[in-house]
Amino acid sequence: MFVELSKVHIDQVVAEYLRAWAEQDPDLIPGIFTEDATYQEGGYAEPMLGVASIRSYWQKKVVESQDNITCRHLLTSVDQETGRVTVKWEAEFDDRDDSFRKRIMEVALLTFEDGRISSLEEYWTSQKIRPLDQRQLPG
């Protein structure tokens, strides 16, 4: 059984998630995810287990490999029977590993527990916008 959360609360948590991404702040992760949360990239990837694992992933994926991040929350939908939440957002960032500015469109399936995300399963597609200026990349 799930505890019904307001769309306003869900949108606030999603806004905090996107802020953590845009500001490259993995220290915000514990306030967004439950201690035993799961985070899965796509349907076939092995999920990351626990907030410490998620924070470590963000450190590597967001802090160490992305710059100049902008995010825009586009949609929130809540299944009233199951409590499952679907969100959609768009982001742009400099991907230092790939040396390109990228745009992604993502759909994430979320569940909540105690007002925080207890599971996140993400599906996304990306496009390369332009090559990064090699002089601006860390050397």
C-alpha atoms as a PDB file:
ATOM      1  CA  MET A   1       0.000   0.000   0.000  1.00  0.00           C
ATOM      2  CA  PHE A   2       1.239   3.453  -0.819  1.00  0.00           C
ATOM      3  CA  VAL A   3       0.717   6.753   0.937  1.00  0.00           C
ATOM      4  CA  GLU A   4      -0.724   9.258  -1.478  1.00  0.00           C
ATOM      5  CA  LEU A   5       1.564  12.218  -2.066  1.00  0.00           C
ATOM      6  CA  SER A   6       0.442  15.475  -3.544  1.00  0.00           C
ATOM      7  CA  LYS A   7       1.610  16.391  -7.024  1.00  0.00           C
ATOM      8  CA  VAL A   8       2.982  19.582  -5.451  1.00  0.00           C
ATOM      9  CA  HIS A   9       5.240  17.543  -3.138  1.00  0.00           C
ATOM     10  CA  ILE A  10       6.365  15.267  -5.978  1.00  0.00           C
ATOM     11  CA  ASP A  11       7.190  18.284  -8.137  1.00  0.00           C
ATOM     12  CA  GLN A  12       9.202  19.766  -5.248  1.00  0.00           C
ATOM     13  CA  VAL A  13      11.262  16.571  -4.946  1.00  0.00           C
ATOM     14  CA  VAL A  14      11.803  16.492  -8.717  1.00  0.00           C
ATOM     15  CA  ALA A  15      12.843  20.164  -8.636  1.00  0.00           C
ATOM     16  CA  GLU A  16      15.380  19.335  -5.901  1.00  0.00           C
ATOM     17  CA  TYR A  17      16.679  16.402  -7.987  1.00  0.00           C
ATOM     18  CA  LEU A  18      17.137  18.670 -11.008  1.00  0.00           C
ATOM     19  CA  ARG A  19      18.764  21.333  -8.807  1.00  0.00           C
ATOM     20  CA  ALA A  20      21.211  18.734  -7.471  1.00  0.00           C
ATOM     21  CA  TRP A  21      22.050  17.854 -11.063  1.00  0.00           C
ATOM     22  CA  ALA A  22      22.361  21.429 -12.357  1.00  0.00           C
ATOM     23  CA  GLU A  23      24.439  22.491  -9.339  1.00  0.00           C
ATOM     24  CA  GLN A  24      26.446  19.246  -9.417  1.00  0.00           C
ATOM     25  CA  ASP A  25      25.794  18.704  -5.724  1.00  0.00           C
ATOM     26  CA  PRO A  26      25.751  15.024  -4.712  1.00  0.00           C
ATOM     27  CA  ASP A  27      25.387  16.093  -1.073  1.00  0.00           C
ATOM     28  CA  LEU A  28      21.709  16.803  -1.842  1.00  0.00           C
ATOM     29  CA  ILE A  29      21.109  13.143  -2.769  1.00  0.00           C
ATOM     30  CA  PRO A  30      20.351  11.894   0.787  1.00  0.00           C
ATOM     31  CA  GLY A  31      17.483  14.399   1.060  1.00  0.00           C
ATOM     32  CA  ILE A  32      15.993  13.228  -2.238  1.00  0.00           C
ATOM     33  CA  PHE A  33      16.329   9.434  -1.943  1.00  0.00           C
ATOM     34  CA  THR A  34      15.523   7.013   0.875  1.00  0.00           C
ATOM     35  CA  GLU A  35      18.453   5.257   2.544  1.00  0.00           C
ATOM     36  CA  ASP A  36      17.672   1.966   0.719  1.00  0.00           C
ATOM     37  CA  ALA A  37      16.604   3.506  -2.624  1.00  0.00           C
ATOM     38  CA  THR A  38      17.306   1.907  -5.980  1.00  0.00           C
ATOM     39  CA  TYR A  39      18.437   3.788  -9.101  1.00  0.00           C
ATOM     40  CA  GLN A  40      18.380   2.053 -12.458  1.00  0.00           C
ATOM     41  CA  GLU A  41      19.538   3.328 -15.851  1.00  0.00           C
ATOM     42  CA  GLY A  42      17.213   1.630 -18.322  1.00  0.00           C
ATOM     43  CA  GLY A  43      15.385  -1.642 -17.991  1.00  0.00           C
ATOM     44  CA  TYR A  44      18.355  -3.977 -18.303  1.00  0.00           C
ATOM     45  CA  ALA A  45      21.000  -2.306 -16.177  1.00  0.00           C
ATOM     46  CA  GLU A  46      21.701  -3.598 -12.710  1.00  0.00           C
ATOM     47  CA  PRO A  47      20.159  -1.139 -10.233  1.00  0.00           C
ATOM     48  CA  MET A  48      22.328   0.810  -7.845  1.00  0.00           C
ATOM     49  CA  LEU A  49      21.322  -0.020  -4.276  1.00  0.00           C
ATOM     50  CA  GLY A  50      21.253   2.521  -1.471  1.00  0.00           C
ATOM     51  CA  VAL A  51      21.761   6.236  -1.199  1.00  0.00           C
ATOM     52  CA  ALA A  52      25.559   5.902  -0.807  1.00  0.00           C
ATOM     53  CA  SER A  53      25.766   4.046  -4.133  1.00  0.00           C
ATOM     54  CA  ILE A  54      23.553   6.647  -5.826  1.00  0.00           C
ATOM     55  CA  ARG A  55      25.656   9.482  -4.420  1.00  0.00           C
ATOM     56  CA  SER A  56      28.844   7.804  -5.668  1.00  0.00           C
ATOM     57  CA  TYR A  57      27.305   7.387  -9.134  1.00  0.00           C
ATOM     58  CA  TRP A  58      26.373  11.096  -9.192  1.00  0.00           C
ATOM     59  CA  GLN A  59      29.890  12.069  -8.136  1.00  0.00           C
ATOM     60  CA  LYS A  60      31.332  10.194 -11.097  1.00  0.00           C
ATOM     61  CA  LYS A  61      28.616  10.794 -13.716  1.00  0.00           C
ATOM     62  CA  VAL A  62      27.576  14.372 -12.915  1.00  0.00           C
ATOM     63  CA  VAL A  63      30.382  16.075 -10.988  1.00  0.00           C
ATOM     64  CA  GLU A  64      33.368  14.534 -12.760  1.00  0.00           C
ATOM     65  CA  SER A  65      32.083  14.348 -16.344  1.00  0.00           C
ATOM     66  CA  GLN A  66      29.520  17.122 -16.911  1.00  0.00           C
ATOM     67  CA  ASP A  67      29.545  20.937 -16.930  1.00  0.00           C
ATOM     68  CA  ASN A  68      27.199  23.833 -17.713  1.00  0.00           C
ATOM     69  CA  ILE A  69      24.052  21.855 -16.908  1.00  0.00           C
ATOM     70  CA  THR A  70      20.545  23.163 -17.454  1.00  0.00           C
ATOM     71  CA  CYS A  71      17.396  21.168 -16.673  1.00  0.00           C
ATOM     72  CA  ARG A  72      13.721  21.699 -17.387  1.00  0.00           C
ATOM     73  CA  HIS A  73      10.924  19.673 -15.777  1.00  0.00           C
ATOM     74  CA  LEU A  74       8.231  19.003 -18.383  1.00  0.00           C
ATOM     75  CA  LEU A  75       5.655  16.567 -16.957  1.00  0.00           C
ATOM     76  CA  THR A  76       4.523  14.763 -13.819  1.00  0.00           C
ATOM     77  CA  SER A  77       1.896  12.027 -13.900  1.00  0.00           C
ATOM     78  CA  VAL A  78       0.741  10.025 -10.885  1.00  0.00           C
ATOM     79  CA  ASP A  79      -1.041   6.668 -11.146  1.00  0.00           C
ATOM     80  CA  GLN A  80      -3.597   6.974  -8.349  1.00  0.00           C
ATOM     81  CA  GLU A  81      -4.055   3.191  -8.070  1.00  0.00           C
ATOM     82  CA  THR A  82      -0.398   2.251  -7.611  1.00  0.00           C
ATOM     83  CA  GLY A  83       1.255   5.501  -6.541  1.00  0.00           C
ATOM     84  CA  ARG A  84       3.760   5.094  -9.380  1.00  0.00           C
ATOM     85  CA  VAL A  85       4.997   8.447 -10.675  1.00  0.00           C
ATOM     86  CA  THR A  86       6.169   9.221 -14.193  1.00  0.00           C
ATOM     87  CA  VAL A  87       8.198  12.366 -14.783  1.00  0.00           C
ATOM     88  CA  LYS A  88       9.738  13.816 -17.910  1.00  0.00           C
ATOM     89  CA  TRP A  89      12.514  16.384 -18.166  1.00  0.00           C
ATOM     90  CA  GLU A  90      14.982  17.793 -20.631  1.00  0.00           C
ATOM     91  CA  ALA A  91      18.581  18.706 -19.892  1.00  0.00           C
ATOM     92  CA  GLU A  92      21.603  20.094 -21.697  1.00  0.00           C
ATOM     93  CA  PHE A  93      25.191  19.749 -20.551  1.00  0.00           C
ATOM     94  CA  ASP A  94      28.791  19.613 -21.667  1.00  0.00           C
ATOM     95  CA  ASP A  95      29.829  15.956 -21.672  1.00  0.00           C
ATOM     96  CA  ARG A  96      33.554  16.136 -20.942  1.00  0.00           C
ATOM     97  CA  ASP A  97      34.026  12.393 -21.518  1.00  0.00           C
ATOM     98  CA  ASP A  98      32.577  12.624 -25.037  1.00  0.00           C
ATOM     99  CA  SER A  99      33.724  16.223 -25.768  1.00  0.00           C
ATOM    100  CA  PHE A 100      30.258  17.285 -26.932  1.00  0.00           C
ATOM    101  CA  ARG A 101      27.456  19.531 -25.746  1.00  0.00           C
ATOM    102  CA  LYS A 102      24.455  17.197 -25.387  1.00  0.00           C
ATOM    103  CA  ARG A 103      20.711  17.437 -24.983  1.00  0.00           C
ATOM    104  CA  ILE A 104      18.763  14.629 -23.381  1.00  0.00           C
ATOM    105  CA  MET A 105      15.089  13.907 -22.983  1.00  0.00           C
ATOM    106  CA  GLU A 106      14.368  11.613 -20.065  1.00  0.00           C
ATOM    107  CA  VAL A 107      11.391   9.774 -18.661  1.00  0.00           C
ATOM    108  CA  ALA A 108      11.781   8.405 -15.142  1.00  0.00           C
ATOM    109  CA  LEU A 109       9.515   6.021 -13.258  1.00  0.00           C
ATOM    110  CA  LEU A 110       9.518   6.802  -9.550  1.00  0.00           C
ATOM    111  CA  THR A 111       8.130   5.388  -6.348  1.00  0.00           C
ATOM    112  CA  PHE A 112       8.114   7.292  -3.076  1.00  0.00           C
ATOM    113  CA  GLU A 113       8.426   6.344   0.561  1.00  0.00           C
ATOM    114  CA  ASP A 114       8.324   8.794   3.454  1.00  0.00           C
ATOM    115  CA  GLY A 115       8.211  11.683   0.989  1.00  0.00           C
ATOM    116  CA  ARG A 116      11.454  10.739  -0.790  1.00  0.00           C
ATOM    117  CA  ILE A 117      12.240   8.686  -3.880  1.00  0.00           C
ATOM    118  CA  SER A 118      12.557   4.984  -3.049  1.00  0.00           C
ATOM    119  CA  SER A 119      13.130   3.858  -6.636  1.00  0.00           C
ATOM    120  CA  LEU A 120      14.057   5.594  -9.863  1.00  0.00           C
ATOM    121  CA  GLU A 121      14.160   3.834 -13.219  1.00  0.00           C
ATOM    122  CA  GLU A 122      15.253   6.148 -16.042  1.00  0.00           C
ATOM    123  CA  TYR A 123      14.956   5.957 -19.814  1.00  0.00           C
ATOM    124  CA  TRP A 124      16.499   8.619 -21.990  1.00  0.00           C
ATOM    125  CA  THR A 125      17.645   9.548 -25.438  1.00  0.00           C
ATOM    126  CA  SER A 126      20.339  12.061 -26.277  1.00  0.00           C
ATOM    127  CA  GLN A 127      21.607  14.104 -29.159  1.00  0.00           C
ATOM    128  CA  LYS A 128      24.916  15.798 -29.698  1.00  0.00           C
ATOM    129  CA  ILE A 129      24.506  19.543 -30.182  1.00  0.00           C
ATOM    130  CA  ARG A 130      28.081  20.582 -30.952  1.00  0.00           C
ATOM    131  CA  PRO A 131      31.675  19.628 -30.194  1.00  0.00           C
ATOM    132  CA  LEU A 132      33.192  21.238 -27.128  1.00  0.00           C
ATOM    133  CA  ASP A 133      36.020  23.703 -27.548  1.00  0.00           C
ATOM    134  CA  GLN A 134      39.052  21.533 -26.728  1.00  0.00           C
ATOM    135  CA  ARG A 135      40.831  24.505 -25.159  1.00  0.00           C
ATOM    136  CA  GLN A 136      38.175  24.670 -22.430  1.00  0.00           C
ATOM    137  CA  LEU A 137      38.397  20.995 -21.428  1.00  0.00           C
ATOM    138  CA  PRO A 138      40.384  20.067 -18.319  1.00  0.00           C
ATOM    139  CA  GLY A 139      43.721  18.810 -19.385  1.00  0.00           C
END
